[in-house]
């Protein structure tokens, strides 16, 4: 069975404010299930969403490192 988390848990997990989660819901950036008037999120789907939206950092070339602190 899916592990469902609420807005508070999702905000804590993603280190975001609850309002950001609600904004993303209204913008269609994330999806959830409303159960009894409370938004719920499948933890596995959240993890999959994070992986699919992951951006790899650009590899720094040796010549670019010279000016770095």
C-alpha atoms as a PDB file:
ATOM      1  CA  UNK A   1       0.000   0.000   0.000  1.00  0.00           C
ATOM      2  CA  UNK A   2       1.153   3.526  -0.782  1.00  0.00           C
ATOM      3  CA  UNK A   3       2.610   5.647   1.991  1.00  0.00           C
ATOM      4  CA  UNK A   4       0.535   8.833   2.029  1.00  0.00           C
ATOM      5  CA  UNK A   5       1.846  11.994   3.638  1.00  0.00           C
ATOM      6  CA  UNK A   6       0.038  15.273   4.296  1.00  0.00           C
ATOM      7  CA  UNK A   7       1.029  18.841   3.446  1.00  0.00           C
ATOM      8  CA  UNK A   8       2.901  19.308   6.739  1.00  0.00           C
ATOM      9  CA  UNK A   9       4.972  16.170   6.184  1.00  0.00           C
ATOM     10  CA  UNK A  10       5.657  17.027   2.546  1.00  0.00           C
ATOM     11  CA  UNK A  11       6.741  20.560   3.414  1.00  0.00           C
ATOM     12  CA  UNK A  12       9.071  19.210   6.087  1.00  0.00           C
ATOM     13  CA  UNK A  13      10.421  16.519   3.737  1.00  0.00           C
ATOM     14  CA  UNK A  14      11.145  19.051   0.965  1.00  0.00           C
ATOM     15  CA  UNK A  15      12.212  21.782   3.426  1.00  0.00           C
ATOM     16  CA  UNK A  16       9.613  24.164   2.013  1.00  0.00           C
ATOM     17  CA  UNK A  17       6.838  26.267   3.477  1.00  0.00           C
ATOM     18  CA  UNK A  18       3.330  24.815   3.384  1.00  0.00           C
ATOM     19  CA  UNK A  19       2.203  27.750   1.236  1.00  0.00           C
ATOM     20  CA  UNK A  20       4.703  26.695  -1.442  1.00  0.00           C
ATOM     21  CA  UNK A  21       3.096  23.240  -1.546  1.00  0.00           C
ATOM     22  CA  UNK A  22      -0.371  24.810  -1.914  1.00  0.00           C
ATOM     23  CA  UNK A  23       0.947  27.140  -4.635  1.00  0.00           C
ATOM     24  CA  UNK A  24       2.464  24.218  -6.529  1.00  0.00           C
ATOM     25  CA  UNK A  25      -0.833  22.327  -6.271  1.00  0.00           C
ATOM     26  CA  UNK A  26      -2.778  25.246  -7.752  1.00  0.00           C
ATOM     27  CA  UNK A  27      -0.142  25.672 -10.490  1.00  0.00           C
ATOM     28  CA  UNK A  28      -0.218  21.965 -11.356  1.00  0.00           C
ATOM     29  CA  UNK A  29       3.473  21.527 -10.544  1.00  0.00           C
ATOM     30  CA  UNK A  30       2.684  18.657  -8.166  1.00  0.00           C
ATOM     31  CA  UNK A  31      -0.289  16.359  -7.845  1.00  0.00           C
ATOM     32  CA  UNK A  32      -2.003  15.041  -4.784  1.00  0.00           C
ATOM     33  CA  UNK A  33      -5.146  13.331  -3.568  1.00  0.00           C
ATOM     34  CA  UNK A  34      -7.712  15.143  -1.480  1.00  0.00           C
ATOM     35  CA  UNK A  35      -9.059  12.850   1.234  1.00  0.00           C
ATOM     36  CA  UNK A  36     -11.677  14.255   3.566  1.00  0.00           C
ATOM     37  CA  UNK A  37     -10.711  17.804   2.625  1.00  0.00           C
ATOM     38  CA  UNK A  38      -7.012  17.190   3.362  1.00  0.00           C
ATOM     39  CA  UNK A  39      -4.358  16.942   0.662  1.00  0.00           C
ATOM     40  CA  UNK A  40      -2.331  13.715   0.673  1.00  0.00           C
ATOM     41  CA  UNK A  41       0.699  12.756  -1.380  1.00  0.00           C
ATOM     42  CA  UNK A  42       2.132   9.365  -2.277  1.00  0.00           C
ATOM     43  CA  UNK A  43       5.691   9.360  -0.912  1.00  0.00           C
ATOM     44  CA  UNK A  44       6.957   7.145  -3.760  1.00  0.00           C
ATOM     45  CA  UNK A  45       5.433   9.471  -6.376  1.00  0.00           C
ATOM     46  CA  UNK A  46       7.096  12.440  -4.658  1.00  0.00           C
ATOM     47  CA  UNK A  47      10.457  10.633  -4.748  1.00  0.00           C
ATOM     48  CA  UNK A  48       9.935   9.735  -8.426  1.00  0.00           C
ATOM     49  CA  UNK A  49       8.999  13.368  -9.169  1.00  0.00           C
ATOM     50  CA  UNK A  50      12.162  14.564  -7.447  1.00  0.00           C
ATOM     51  CA  UNK A  51      14.307  12.156  -9.458  1.00  0.00           C
ATOM     52  CA  UNK A  52      12.687  13.163 -12.753  1.00  0.00           C
ATOM     53  CA  UNK A  53      13.212  16.863 -12.010  1.00  0.00           C
ATOM     54  CA  UNK A  54      16.786  16.445 -10.814  1.00  0.00           C
ATOM     55  CA  UNK A  55      19.352  18.555 -12.597  1.00  0.00           C
ATOM     56  CA  UNK A  56      22.962  17.535 -12.562  1.00  0.00           C
ATOM     57  CA  UNK A  57      25.457  20.244 -11.770  1.00  0.00           C
ATOM     58  CA  UNK A  58      27.761  21.289 -14.559  1.00  0.00           C
ATOM     59  CA  UNK A  59      31.154  19.636 -14.383  1.00  0.00           C
ATOM     60  CA  UNK A  60      33.821  22.244 -13.662  1.00  0.00           C
ATOM     61  CA  UNK A  61      36.771  22.198 -16.030  1.00  0.00           C
ATOM     62  CA  UNK A  62      40.285  22.441 -14.534  1.00  0.00           C
ATOM     63  CA  UNK A  63      40.842  25.891 -16.086  1.00  0.00           C
ATOM     64  CA  UNK A  64      37.649  27.185 -14.407  1.00  0.00           C
ATOM     65  CA  UNK A  65      38.882  26.023 -10.976  1.00  0.00           C
ATOM     66  CA  UNK A  66      41.872  28.427 -11.069  1.00  0.00           C
ATOM     67  CA  UNK A  67      39.744  31.483 -10.359  1.00  0.00           C
ATOM     68  CA  UNK A  68      37.602  29.764  -7.753  1.00  0.00           C
ATOM     69  CA  UNK A  69      38.076  30.367  -4.040  1.00  0.00           C
END
